Amino acid sequence: MANISERTKGLGKTRIKYDAAVADVMELVNTMINPFYNEYPSLVHFCNGSVASDDVESDIKNIYERGEAAAVSCIETNILSENPDIYTPIKKMNLRTSLP
C-alpha cells in the first residue's frame, strides 16, 4: 500500500518553494527583451536584454578610434621624442563599457 507521504509529495514545503522559485524565474524572463528582435536602435546587452545608455554606446562605438589616437600619442611622446622611453605604458582610457 502506498504511503501517505508519497501521495501528497506535490503539497510538501519543498515543492511549494520550488514552484515559487520557478514562478519568479518565469516572471523575470518574461520581463526581459529579446536581444535578437531589433526594435531598438541602440546597443542591447546580449544576456539580459538591457539597453545601453548614450555614454556607454558612444564609448563602445568609438573605442577603436580612441585607442588608435592613444597609441599614436604614446608613440609620439615616448618613442619618437628626444629621450625615448619604451617602458612607459599607454595611458588608460576610462571608457564606460558595462551595461547595467
Protein backbone atom coordinates (compact mmCIF):
# COMPACT_ATOMS: atom_id res chain seq x y z
CA MET A 1 0.00 0.00 0.00
CA ALA A 2 1.26 3.47 -0.84
CA ASN A 3 2.48 5.65 1.95
CA ILE A 4 0.51 8.84 2.55
CA SER A 5 3.65 10.99 2.25
CA GLU A 6 4.28 9.58 -1.24
CA ARG A 7 0.78 10.51 -2.42
CA THR A 8 0.99 14.09 -1.16
CA LYS A 9 4.53 14.78 -2.37
CA GLY A 10 3.29 17.66 -4.54
CA LEU A 11 1.98 19.50 -1.50
CA GLY A 12 5.21 19.42 0.51
CA LYS A 13 7.10 22.51 1.64
CA THR A 14 10.00 21.81 -0.72
CA ARG A 15 7.67 21.53 -3.71
CA ILE A 16 5.89 24.77 -2.79
CA LYS A 17 9.23 26.62 -2.54
CA TYR A 18 10.31 25.12 -5.87
CA ASP A 19 7.09 26.23 -7.58
CA ALA A 20 7.51 29.75 -6.19
CA ALA A 21 11.12 29.90 -7.43
CA VAL A 22 10.06 28.71 -10.89
CA ALA A 23 7.33 31.36 -10.99
CA ASP A 24 9.86 34.06 -10.04
CA VAL A 25 12.25 32.96 -12.81
CA MET A 26 9.46 32.86 -15.39
CA GLU A 27 8.35 36.36 -14.37
CA LEU A 28 11.92 37.63 -14.74
CA VAL A 29 12.37 36.01 -18.16
CA ASN A 30 9.08 37.45 -19.38
CA THR A 31 10.19 40.99 -18.43
CA MET A 32 13.39 40.74 -20.49
CA ILE A 33 13.52 41.86 -24.07
CA ASN A 34 14.72 39.66 -26.89
CA PRO A 35 18.16 40.97 -27.99
CA PHE A 36 17.63 39.45 -31.44
CA TYR A 37 14.40 41.34 -32.03
CA ASN A 38 15.92 44.52 -33.39
CA GLU A 39 13.38 47.18 -32.46
CA TYR A 40 15.99 49.19 -30.55
CA PRO A 41 18.40 51.42 -32.50
CA SER A 42 20.95 51.35 -29.67
CA LEU A 43 23.14 48.59 -28.28
CA VAL A 44 21.42 45.82 -26.31
CA HIS A 45 23.09 43.56 -23.74
CA PHE A 46 23.14 40.02 -25.12
CA CYS A 47 22.47 38.20 -21.83
CA ASN A 48 19.86 40.29 -20.07
CA GLY A 49 18.46 42.46 -22.86
CA SER A 50 19.06 45.81 -21.17
CA VAL A 51 19.58 48.81 -23.46
CA ALA A 52 22.89 50.68 -23.28
CA SER A 53 22.95 54.29 -22.13
CA ASP A 54 24.13 57.01 -24.50
CA ASP A 55 27.61 57.37 -22.96
CA VAL A 56 28.23 53.59 -22.99
CA GLU A 57 27.06 53.36 -26.58
CA SER A 58 29.28 56.27 -27.61
CA ASP A 59 32.36 54.78 -25.92
CA ILE A 60 31.83 51.36 -27.49
CA LYS A 61 31.21 52.77 -30.97
CA ASN A 62 34.34 54.97 -30.81
CA ILE A 63 36.65 52.56 -28.97
CA TYR A 64 38.85 51.80 -31.99
CA GLU A 65 39.44 55.46 -32.88
CA ARG A 66 40.15 56.42 -29.27
CA GLY A 67 42.57 53.52 -28.86
CA GLU A 68 44.38 54.39 -32.07
CA ALA A 69 44.68 58.04 -31.01
CA ALA A 70 46.08 56.96 -27.62
CA ALA A 71 48.61 54.67 -29.31
CA VAL A 72 49.76 57.40 -31.71
CA SER A 73 50.07 59.86 -28.84
CA CYS A 74 52.10 57.36 -26.81
CA ILE A 75 54.42 56.67 -29.73
CA GLU A 76 54.97 60.35 -30.42
CA THR A 77 55.60 61.36 -26.81
CA ASN A 78 57.51 58.30 -25.57
CA ILE A 79 59.29 56.68 -28.51
CA LEU A 80 59.84 59.39 -31.11
CA SER A 81 60.87 62.03 -28.56
CA GLU A 82 64.41 63.20 -27.77
CA ASN A 83 64.53 60.93 -24.71
CA PRO A 84 62.77 57.71 -25.76
CA ASP A 85 61.26 55.57 -23.03
CA ILE A 86 59.86 52.30 -24.33
CA TYR A 87 58.69 51.15 -20.91
CA THR A 88 56.08 53.86 -20.41
CA PRO A 89 52.63 52.28 -20.89
CA ILE A 90 49.81 53.74 -22.92
CA LYS A 91 47.61 55.85 -20.65
CA LYS A 92 44.46 54.09 -19.53
CA MET A 93 41.26 55.31 -21.11
CA ASN A 94 38.30 55.45 -18.75
CA LEU A 95 35.67 54.01 -21.03
CA ARG A 96 32.20 53.06 -19.93
CA THR A 97 31.64 49.66 -21.46
CA SER A 98 29.46 47.90 -18.91
CA LEU A 99 25.72 47.74 -19.17
CA PRO A 100 23.51 47.64 -16.12
